[in-house]
PDB file of N, CA and C in Angstrom:
ATOM      1  N   UNK A   1       0.685  -0.860  -0.138  1.00  0.00           N
ATOM      2  CA  UNK A   1       0.231  -0.171   0.097  1.00  0.00           C
ATOM      3  C   UNK A   1       1.005   1.390   0.052  1.00  0.00           C
ATOM      4  N   UNK A   2       0.720   2.053  -0.620  1.00  0.00           N
ATOM      5  CA  UNK A   2       1.208   3.109  -0.808  1.00  0.00           C
ATOM      6  C   UNK A   2       0.722   4.717   0.152  1.00  0.00           C
ATOM      7  N   UNK A   3       1.662   4.981   0.744  1.00  0.00           N
ATOM      8  CA  UNK A   3       2.000   5.862   1.937  1.00  0.00           C
ATOM      9  C   UNK A   3       1.460   7.157   1.186  1.00  0.00           C
ATOM     10  N   UNK A   4       0.516   7.861   1.878  1.00  0.00           N
ATOM     11  CA  UNK A   4       0.525   9.067   1.540  1.00  0.00           C
ATOM     12  C   UNK A   4       1.066  10.320   2.301  1.00  0.00           C
ATOM     13  N   UNK A   5       1.625  10.058   3.210  1.00  0.00           N
ATOM     14  CA  UNK A   5       2.373  10.830   4.514  1.00  0.00           C
ATOM     15  C   UNK A   5       3.545  11.501   3.438  1.00  0.00           C
ATOM     16  N   UNK A   6       4.231  11.363   3.173  1.00  0.00           N
ATOM     17  CA  UNK A   6       5.161  12.155   2.128  1.00  0.00           C
ATOM     18  C   UNK A   6       4.274  13.291   1.155  1.00  0.00           C
ATOM     19  N   UNK A   7       3.378  12.795   0.629  1.00  0.00           N
ATOM     20  CA  UNK A   7       2.426  14.059  -0.173  1.00  0.00           C
ATOM     21  C   UNK A   7       1.856  15.047   1.008  1.00  0.00           C
ATOM     22  N   UNK A   8       1.432  14.225   1.987  1.00  0.00           N
ATOM     23  CA  UNK A   8       0.687  15.517   2.970  1.00  0.00           C
ATOM     24  C   UNK A   8       1.519  16.193   3.757  1.00  0.00           C
ATOM     25  N   UNK A   9       3.234  15.651   3.812  1.00  0.00           N
ATOM     26  CA  UNK A   9       3.962  16.658   4.506  1.00  0.00           C
ATOM     27  C   UNK A   9       4.178  17.792   3.535  1.00  0.00           C
ATOM     28  N   UNK A  10       4.603  17.467   2.348  1.00  0.00           N
ATOM     29  CA  UNK A  10       4.891  18.464   0.961  1.00  0.00           C
ATOM     30  C   UNK A  10       3.808  19.461   1.198  1.00  0.00           C
ATOM     31  N   UNK A  11       2.382  18.877   1.078  1.00  0.00           N
ATOM     32  CA  UNK A  11       1.415  19.851   1.133  1.00  0.00           C
ATOM     33  C   UNK A  11       1.303  20.947   2.308  1.00  0.00           C
ATOM     34  N   UNK A  12       1.413  19.940   3.524  1.00  0.00           N
ATOM     35  CA  UNK A  12       1.336  20.872   4.476  1.00  0.00           C
ATOM     36  C   UNK A  12       2.413  22.088   4.396  1.00  0.00           C
ATOM     37  N   UNK A  13       3.538  21.729   3.915  1.00  0.00           N
ATOM     38  CA  UNK A  13       4.910  22.514   4.066  1.00  0.00           C
ATOM     39  C   UNK A  13       4.816  23.733   3.339  1.00  0.00           C
ATOM     40  N   UNK A  14       4.087  23.539   1.707  1.00  0.00           N
ATOM     41  CA  UNK A  14       3.816  24.222   0.939  1.00  0.00           C
ATOM     42  C   UNK A  14       2.803  25.469   1.240  1.00  0.00           C
ATOM     43  N   UNK A  15       1.914  24.911   2.223  1.00  0.00           N
ATOM     44  CA  UNK A  15       0.762  25.640   2.590  1.00  0.00           C
ATOM     45  C   UNK A  15       1.013  26.377   3.582  1.00  0.00           C
ATOM     46  N   UNK A  16       2.096  26.066   4.633  1.00  0.00           N
ATOM     47  CA  UNK A  16       2.448  26.810   5.544  1.00  0.00           C
ATOM     48  C   UNK A  16       3.212  28.154   4.923  1.00  0.00           C
ATOM     49  N   UNK A  17       4.154  27.647   4.045  1.00  0.00           N
ATOM     50  CA  UNK A  17       4.883  28.921   3.372  1.00  0.00           C
ATOM     51  C   UNK A  17       4.398  29.913   2.715  1.00  0.00           C
ATOM     52  N   UNK A  18       3.246  29.343   1.921  1.00  0.00           N
ATOM     53  CA  UNK A  18       2.456  30.465   1.139  1.00  0.00           C
ATOM     54  C   UNK A  18       1.837  31.123   2.357  1.00  0.00           C
ATOM     55  N   UNK A  19       1.183  30.403   3.488  1.00  0.00           N
ATOM     56  CA  UNK A  19       0.471  31.407   4.737  1.00  0.00           C
ATOM     57  C   UNK A  19       1.537  32.247   5.473  1.00  0.00           C
ATOM     58  N   UNK A  20       2.399  31.780   5.634  1.00  0.00           N
ATOM     59  CA  UNK A  20       3.650  33.166   5.877  1.00  0.00           C
ATOM     60  C   UNK A  20       3.894  33.989   5.455  1.00  0.00           C
ATOM     61  N   UNK A  21       3.842  33.737   3.824  1.00  0.00           N
ATOM     62  CA  UNK A  21       4.057  35.114   3.137  1.00  0.00           C
ATOM     63  C   UNK A  21       2.877  35.824   3.129  1.00  0.00           C
ATOM     64  N   UNK A  22       1.852  35.197   3.227  1.00  0.00           N
ATOM     65  CA  UNK A  22       0.569  35.945   3.099  1.00  0.00           C
ATOM     66  C   UNK A  22       0.533  36.769   4.689  1.00  0.00           C
ATOM     67  N   UNK A  23       0.662  36.223   5.450  1.00  0.00           N
ATOM     68  CA  UNK A  23       0.651  36.874   6.718  1.00  0.00           C
ATOM     69  C   UNK A  23       1.774  37.995   6.768  1.00  0.00           C
ATOM     70  N   UNK A  24       3.077  38.019   6.318  1.00  0.00           N
ATOM     71  CA  UNK A  24       3.756  39.260   6.153  1.00  0.00           C
ATOM     72  C   UNK A  24       3.244  40.273   5.671  1.00  0.00           C
ATOM     73  N   UNK A  25       2.543  39.847   4.353  1.00  0.00           N
ATOM     74  CA  UNK A  25       1.877  40.736   3.566  1.00  0.00           C
ATOM     75  C   UNK A  25       0.805  41.749   3.883  1.00  0.00           C
ATOM     76  N   UNK A  26      -0.171  40.941   5.025  1.00  0.00           N
ATOM     77  CA  UNK A  26      -1.027  41.587   5.307  1.00  0.00           C
ATOM     78  C   UNK A  26      -0.549  42.675   6.811  1.00  0.00           C
ATOM     79  N   UNK A  27       0.321  41.875   7.307  1.00  0.00           N
ATOM     80  CA  UNK A  27       1.240  42.521   8.396  1.00  0.00           C
ATOM     81  C   UNK A  27       2.154  44.142   7.976  1.00  0.00           C
ATOM     82  N   UNK A  28       1.918  44.172   6.592  1.00  0.00           N
ATOM     83  CA  UNK A  28       3.149  44.945   6.117  1.00  0.00           C
ATOM     84  C   UNK A  28       1.532  46.083   5.737  1.00  0.00           C
ATOM     85  N   UNK A  29       0.885  45.570   5.276  1.00  0.00           N
ATOM     86  CA  UNK A  29      -0.150  46.267   4.705  1.00  0.00           C
ATOM     87  C   UNK A  29      -1.346  47.138   5.944  1.00  0.00           C
ATOM     88  N   UNK A  30      -1.233  46.390   7.255  1.00  0.00           N
ATOM     89  CA  UNK A  30      -2.026  46.557   8.527  1.00  0.00           C
ATOM     90  C   UNK A  30      -1.141  47.885   8.933  1.00  0.00           C
ATOM     91  N   UNK A  31       0.368  47.550   8.965  1.00  0.00           N
ATOM     92  CA  UNK A  31       1.244  49.093   9.616  1.00  0.00           C
ATOM     93  C   UNK A  31       1.016  50.282   8.767  1.00  0.00           C
ATOM     94  N   UNK A  32       1.218  49.869   6.950  1.00  0.00           N
ATOM     95  CA  UNK A  32       0.822  51.275   6.427  1.00  0.00           C
ATOM     96  C   UNK A  32      -0.263  51.604   6.441  1.00  0.00           C
ATOM     97  N   UNK A  33      -1.789  51.078   6.602  1.00  0.00           N
ATOM     98  CA  UNK A  33      -2.750  51.756   6.702  1.00  0.00           C
ATOM     99  C   UNK A  33      -2.737  52.249   8.329  1.00  0.00           C
ATOM    100  N   UNK A  34      -2.388  51.744   9.340  1.00  0.00           N
ATOM    101  CA  UNK A  34      -2.301  52.461  10.841  1.00  0.00           C
ATOM    102  C   UNK A  34      -1.339  53.754  10.526  1.00  0.00           C
ATOM    103  N   UNK A  35      -0.556  53.762  10.132  1.00  0.00           N
ATOM    104  CA  UNK A  35       0.383  54.934   9.877  1.00  0.00           C
ATOM    105  C   UNK A  35      -0.401  55.919   8.930  1.00  0.00           C
ATOM    106  N   UNK A  36      -0.812  55.823   8.076  1.00  0.00           N
ATOM    107  CA  UNK A  36      -1.716  56.681   7.024  1.00  0.00           C
ATOM    108  C   UNK A  36      -2.844  57.012   7.694  1.00  0.00           C
ATOM    109  N   UNK A  37      -3.412  56.397   8.559  1.00  0.00           N
ATOM    110  CA  UNK A  37      -4.492  56.775   9.320  1.00  0.00           C
ATOM    111  C   UNK A  37      -4.265  57.501  10.520  1.00  0.00           C
ATOM    112  N   UNK A  38      -3.170  57.392  11.307  1.00  0.00           N
ATOM    113  CA  UNK A  38      -2.594  58.147  12.188  1.00  0.00           C
ATOM    114  C   UNK A  38      -2.397  59.924  11.418  1.00  0.00           C
ATOM    115  N   UNK A  39      -1.573  59.813  10.468  1.00  0.00           N
ATOM    116  CA  UNK A  39      -1.308  60.738  10.008  1.00  0.00           C
ATOM    117  C   UNK A  39      -2.628  61.634   9.497  1.00  0.00           C
ATOM    118  N   UNK A  40      -3.694  60.923   8.980  1.00  0.00           N
ATOM    119  CA  UNK A  40      -4.781  62.025   8.336  1.00  0.00           C
ATOM    120  C   UNK A  40      -5.598  62.070   9.550  1.00  0.00           C
ATOM    121  N   UNK A  41      -5.428  61.628  10.928  1.00  0.00           N
ATOM    122  CA  UNK A  41      -6.751  61.760  11.719  1.00  0.00           C
ATOM    123  C   UNK A  41      -5.771  62.877  12.689  1.00  0.00           C
ATOM    124  N   UNK A  42      -4.567  63.215  12.757  1.00  0.00           N
ATOM    125  CA  UNK A  42      -4.014  64.110  13.739  1.00  0.00           C
ATOM    126  C   UNK A  42      -3.740  65.031  12.705  1.00  0.00           C
ATOM    127  N   UNK A  43      -3.673  65.082  11.561  1.00  0.00           N
ATOM    128  CA  UNK A  43      -3.766  66.400  10.541  1.00  0.00           C
ATOM    129  C   UNK A  43      -2.348  66.278  10.388  1.00  0.00           C
ATOM    130  N   UNK A  44      -1.526  65.778  10.646  1.00  0.00           N
ATOM    131  CA  UNK A  44      -0.156  65.987  10.337  1.00  0.00           C
ATOM    132  C   UNK A  44       0.365  66.122   8.503  1.00  0.00           C
ATOM    133  N   UNK A  45      -1.081  65.307   8.245  1.00  0.00           N
ATOM    134  CA  UNK A  45      -0.345  65.922   6.417  1.00  0.00           C
ATOM    135  C   UNK A  45      -0.834  67.394   5.845  1.00  0.00           C
ATOM    136  N   UNK A  46      -1.864  67.999   6.977  1.00  0.00           N
ATOM    137  CA  UNK A  46      -1.608  69.463   6.908  1.00  0.00           C
ATOM    138  C   UNK A  46      -0.274  70.416   7.131  1.00  0.00           C
ATOM    139  N   UNK A  47       0.124  69.389   8.068  1.00  0.00           N
ATOM    140  CA  UNK A  47       1.766  70.270   7.897  1.00  0.00           C
ATOM    141  C   UNK A  47       2.787  69.674   6.660  1.00  0.00           C
ATOM    142  N   UNK A  48       2.508  68.392   6.163  1.00  0.00           N
ATOM    143  CA  UNK A  48       3.303  68.095   5.177  1.00  0.00           C
ATOM    144  C   UNK A  48       3.220  69.092   3.627  1.00  0.00           C
ATOM    145  N   UNK A  49       2.135  69.069   3.476  1.00  0.00           N
ATOM    146  CA  UNK A  49       1.469  70.090   2.382  1.00  0.00           C
ATOM    147  C   UNK A  49       0.251  70.298   2.408  1.00  0.00           C
ATOM    148  N   UNK A  50      -0.373  71.574   2.852  1.00  0.00           N
ATOM    149  CA  UNK A  50      -1.958  71.834   2.515  1.00  0.00           C
ATOM    150  C   UNK A  50      -2.460  71.671   1.773  1.00  0.00           C
ATOM    151  N   UNK A  51      -1.949  71.539   0.395  1.00  0.00           N
ATOM    152  CA  UNK A  51      -3.515  71.715  -0.788  1.00  0.00           C
ATOM    153  C   UNK A  51      -3.602  70.233  -1.230  1.00  0.00           C
ATOM    154  N   UNK A  52      -2.545  69.479  -0.803  1.00  0.00           N
ATOM    155  CA  UNK A  52      -2.517  67.962  -0.990  1.00  0.00           C
ATOM    156  C   UNK A  52      -3.707  66.753  -0.274  1.00  0.00           C
ATOM    157  N   UNK A  53      -4.680  67.615   0.422  1.00  0.00           N
ATOM    158  CA  UNK A  53      -5.177  66.651   1.315  1.00  0.00           C
ATOM    159  C   UNK A  53      -5.725  65.809   0.349  1.00  0.00           C
ATOM    160  N   UNK A  54      -6.661  65.698  -0.725  1.00  0.00           N
ATOM    161  CA  UNK A  54      -7.064  64.603  -1.561  1.00  0.00           C
ATOM    162  C   UNK A  54      -6.291  63.714  -1.706  1.00  0.00           C
ATOM    163  N   UNK A  55      -4.802  63.900  -2.247  1.00  0.00           N
ATOM    164  CA  UNK A  55      -3.713  62.748  -2.271  1.00  0.00           C
ATOM    165  C   UNK A  55      -3.556  61.779  -0.859  1.00  0.00           C
ATOM    166  N   UNK A  56      -3.532  62.504   0.041  1.00  0.00           N
ATOM    167  CA  UNK A  56      -3.379  61.652   1.113  1.00  0.00           C
ATOM    168  C   UNK A  56      -4.723  60.722   1.646  1.00  0.00           C
ATOM    169  N   UNK A  57      -5.575  61.387   1.171  1.00  0.00           N
ATOM    170  CA  UNK A  57      -7.004  60.457   1.814  1.00  0.00           C
ATOM    171  C   UNK A  57      -7.191  59.478   0.472  1.00  0.00           C
ATOM    172  N   UNK A  58      -6.833  59.567  -0.511  1.00  0.00           N
ATOM    173  CA  UNK A  58      -6.883  58.582  -1.451  1.00  0.00           C
ATOM    174  C   UNK A  58      -5.940  57.654  -0.837  1.00  0.00           C
ATOM    175  N   UNK A  59      -4.540  57.857  -0.526  1.00  0.00           N
ATOM    176  CA  UNK A  59      -3.612  57.328  -0.252  1.00  0.00           C
ATOM    177  C   UNK A  59      -3.941  56.334   0.996  1.00  0.00           C
ATOM    178  N   UNK A  60      -4.738  56.967   1.760  1.00  0.00           N
ATOM    179  CA  UNK A  60      -5.218  55.964   3.035  1.00  0.00           C
ATOM    180  C   UNK A  60      -6.358  55.085   2.498  1.00  0.00           C
ATOM    181  N   UNK A  61      -7.337  55.462   1.669  1.00  0.00           N
ATOM    182  CA  UNK A  61      -8.272  54.766   1.477  1.00  0.00           C
ATOM    183  C   UNK A  61      -7.571  53.620   0.095  1.00  0.00           C
ATOM    184  N   UNK A  62      -6.539  53.802  -0.530  1.00  0.00           N
ATOM    185  CA  UNK A  62      -5.439  52.624  -1.333  1.00  0.00           C
ATOM    186  C   UNK A  62      -5.270  51.548  -0.209  1.00  0.00           C
ATOM    187  N   UNK A  63      -4.485  51.985   0.459  1.00  0.00           N
ATOM    188  CA  UNK A  63      -3.867  50.772   1.840  1.00  0.00           C
ATOM    189  C   UNK A  63      -5.105  50.588   2.545  1.00  0.00           C
ATOM    190  N   UNK A  64      -6.192  51.245   2.994  1.00  0.00           N
ATOM    191  CA  UNK A  64      -7.249  50.077   3.464  1.00  0.00           C
ATOM    192  C   UNK A  64      -7.752  49.303   2.509  1.00  0.00           C
ATOM    193  N   UNK A  65      -7.651  49.282   1.359  1.00  0.00           N
ATOM    194  CA  UNK A  65      -8.626  48.549   0.212  1.00  0.00           C
ATOM    195  C   UNK A  65      -7.212  47.416   0.145  1.00  0.00           C
ATOM    196  N   UNK A  66      -5.668  47.608   0.086  1.00  0.00           N
ATOM    197  CA  UNK A  66      -4.922  46.608   0.015  1.00  0.00           C
ATOM    198  C   UNK A  66      -5.031  45.382   1.360  1.00  0.00           C
ATOM    199  N   UNK A  67      -4.914  46.082   2.552  1.00  0.00           N
ATOM    200  CA  UNK A  67      -5.289  45.546   3.609  1.00  0.00           C
ATOM    201  C   UNK A  67      -6.408  44.399   3.697  1.00  0.00           C
ATOM    202  N   UNK A  68      -7.596  45.146   3.031  1.00  0.00           N
ATOM    203  CA  UNK A  68      -8.616  43.984   3.268  1.00  0.00           C
ATOM    204  C   UNK A  68      -8.447  42.987   2.213  1.00  0.00           C
ATOM    205  N   UNK A  69      -8.059  43.060   1.001  1.00  0.00           N
ATOM    206  CA  UNK A  69      -7.841  42.227  -0.002  1.00  0.00           C
ATOM    207  C   UNK A  69      -6.601  41.210   0.632  1.00  0.00           C
ATOM    208  N   UNK A  70      -5.508  41.788   1.779  1.00  0.00           N
ATOM    209  CA  UNK A  70      -4.563  40.777   1.701  1.00  0.00           C
ATOM    210  C   UNK A  70      -4.928  40.102   2.720  1.00  0.00           C
ATOM    211  N   UNK A  71      -6.123  40.586   3.735  1.00  0.00           N
ATOM    212  CA  UNK A  71      -6.631  40.199   4.625  1.00  0.00           C
ATOM    213  C   UNK A  71      -7.868  38.729   4.183  1.00  0.00           C
ATOM    214  N   UNK A  72      -8.249  39.043   3.493  1.00  0.00           N
ATOM    215  CA  UNK A  72      -9.530  38.093   2.715  1.00  0.00           C
ATOM    216  C   UNK A  72      -8.355  36.950   2.268  1.00  0.00           C
ATOM    217  N   UNK A  73      -7.435  37.498   1.639  1.00  0.00           N
ATOM    218  CA  UNK A  73      -6.337  36.203   1.146  1.00  0.00           C
ATOM    219  C   UNK A  73      -6.064  35.494   2.008  1.00  0.00           C
ATOM    220  N   UNK A  74      -5.635  36.049   3.219  1.00  0.00           N
ATOM    221  CA  UNK A  74      -4.619  35.094   4.575  1.00  0.00           C
ATOM    222  C   UNK A  74      -5.982  34.331   4.670  1.00  0.00           C
ATOM    223  N   UNK A  75      -7.343  34.662   5.323  1.00  0.00           N
ATOM    224  CA  UNK A  75      -8.045  34.076   5.422  1.00  0.00           C
ATOM    225  C   UNK A  75      -9.027  32.796   4.901  1.00  0.00           C
ATOM    226  N   UNK A  76      -8.763  33.119   2.935  1.00  0.00           N
ATOM    227  CA  UNK A  76      -8.866  32.112   2.354  1.00  0.00           C
ATOM    228  C   UNK A  76      -8.155  30.751   2.527  1.00  0.00           C
ATOM    229  N   UNK A  77      -6.809  31.063   2.308  1.00  0.00           N
ATOM    230  CA  UNK A  77      -5.806  30.517   2.231  1.00  0.00           C
ATOM    231  C   UNK A  77      -5.810  29.527   4.112  1.00  0.00           C
ATOM    232  N   UNK A  78      -6.029  30.135   4.743  1.00  0.00           N
ATOM    233  CA  UNK A  78      -5.767  29.398   5.993  1.00  0.00           C
ATOM    234  C   UNK A  78      -7.416  28.271   6.178  1.00  0.00           C
ATOM    235  N   UNK A  79      -8.451  28.889   5.686  1.00  0.00           N
ATOM    236  CA  UNK A  79      -9.482  27.754   5.689  1.00  0.00           C
ATOM    237  C   UNK A  79      -9.099  26.673   4.570  1.00  0.00           C
ATOM    238  N   UNK A  80      -8.586  27.122   3.329  1.00  0.00           N
ATOM    239  CA  UNK A  80      -8.418  25.877   2.601  1.00  0.00           C
ATOM    240  C   UNK A  80      -7.327  25.234   2.998  1.00  0.00           C
ATOM    241  N   UNK A  81      -6.111  25.242   3.876  1.00  0.00           N
ATOM    242  CA  UNK A  81      -5.328  24.487   4.426  1.00  0.00           C
ATOM    243  C   UNK A  81      -5.837  23.800   5.579  1.00  0.00           C
ATOM    244  N   UNK A  82      -6.844  23.965   6.154  1.00  0.00           N
ATOM    245  CA  UNK A  82      -7.729  23.284   7.256  1.00  0.00           C
ATOM    246  C   UNK A  82      -8.626  22.141   6.217  1.00  0.00           C
ATOM    247  N   UNK A  83      -9.495  23.206   5.499  1.00  0.00           N
ATOM    248  CA  UNK A  83     -10.258  22.307   4.621  1.00  0.00           C
ATOM    249  C   UNK A  83      -9.947  20.962   3.672  1.00  0.00           C
ATOM    250  N   UNK A  84      -8.599  20.998   3.411  1.00  0.00           N
ATOM    251  CA  UNK A  84      -7.905  19.924   2.369  1.00  0.00           C
ATOM    252  C   UNK A  84      -7.819  19.035   3.378  1.00  0.00           C
ATOM    253  N   UNK A  85      -7.792  18.927   4.632  1.00  0.00           N
ATOM    254  CA  UNK A  85      -7.205  17.404   5.150  1.00  0.00           C
ATOM    255  C   UNK A  85      -8.440  17.549   5.991  1.00  0.00           C
ATOM    256  N   UNK A  86      -9.969  17.774   5.879  1.00  0.00           N
ATOM    257  CA  UNK A  86     -11.221  17.534   6.560  1.00  0.00           C
ATOM    258  C   UNK A  86     -11.778  16.863   5.477  1.00  0.00           C
ATOM    259  N   UNK A  87     -11.921  17.669   4.360  1.00  0.00           N
ATOM    260  CA  UNK A  87     -13.226  17.297   3.634  1.00  0.00           C
ATOM    261  C   UNK A  87     -13.108  15.505   2.784  1.00  0.00           C
ATOM    262  N   UNK A  88     -11.536  14.770   3.004  1.00  0.00           N
ATOM    263  CA  UNK A  88     -12.063  13.553   2.626  1.00  0.00           C
ATOM    264  C   UNK A  88     -11.959  12.722   3.967  1.00  0.00           C
ATOM    265  N   UNK A  89     -11.951  13.039   5.042  1.00  0.00           N
ATOM    266  CA  UNK A  89     -12.925  12.950   6.151  1.00  0.00           C
ATOM    267  C   UNK A  89     -14.411  12.708   6.277  1.00  0.00           C
ATOM    268  N   UNK A  90     -14.866  13.505   5.426  1.00  0.00           N
ATOM    269  CA  UNK A  90     -16.015  14.235   5.656  1.00  0.00           C
ATOM    270  C   UNK A  90     -17.102  13.218   4.426  1.00  0.00           C
ATOM    271  N   UNK A  91     -16.270  12.887   3.538  1.00  0.00           N
ATOM    272  CA  UNK A  91     -16.659  11.961   2.399  1.00  0.00           C
ATOM    273  C   UNK A  91     -16.790  10.584   2.847  1.00  0.00           C
TER     274      UNK A  91
END
């Protein structure tokens, strides 16, 4: 009988590596969004350049969207990593 253990270990390792990358991307996007929000909320952007308020607001919105997308990707990957080992037991 052929053992599926090596396949399962390789799959788990590749999934963990992808999850590690997604977690780092999500953390980077969170810190970017938080720093832009603090700049916007405290009015630091007014000190930087007064006429470019729209630019900084747009940058804040884009960083929030990037954080949302990376958070969803991390969640989907985590759910898939768990589901691919439990689905065969459910069938």
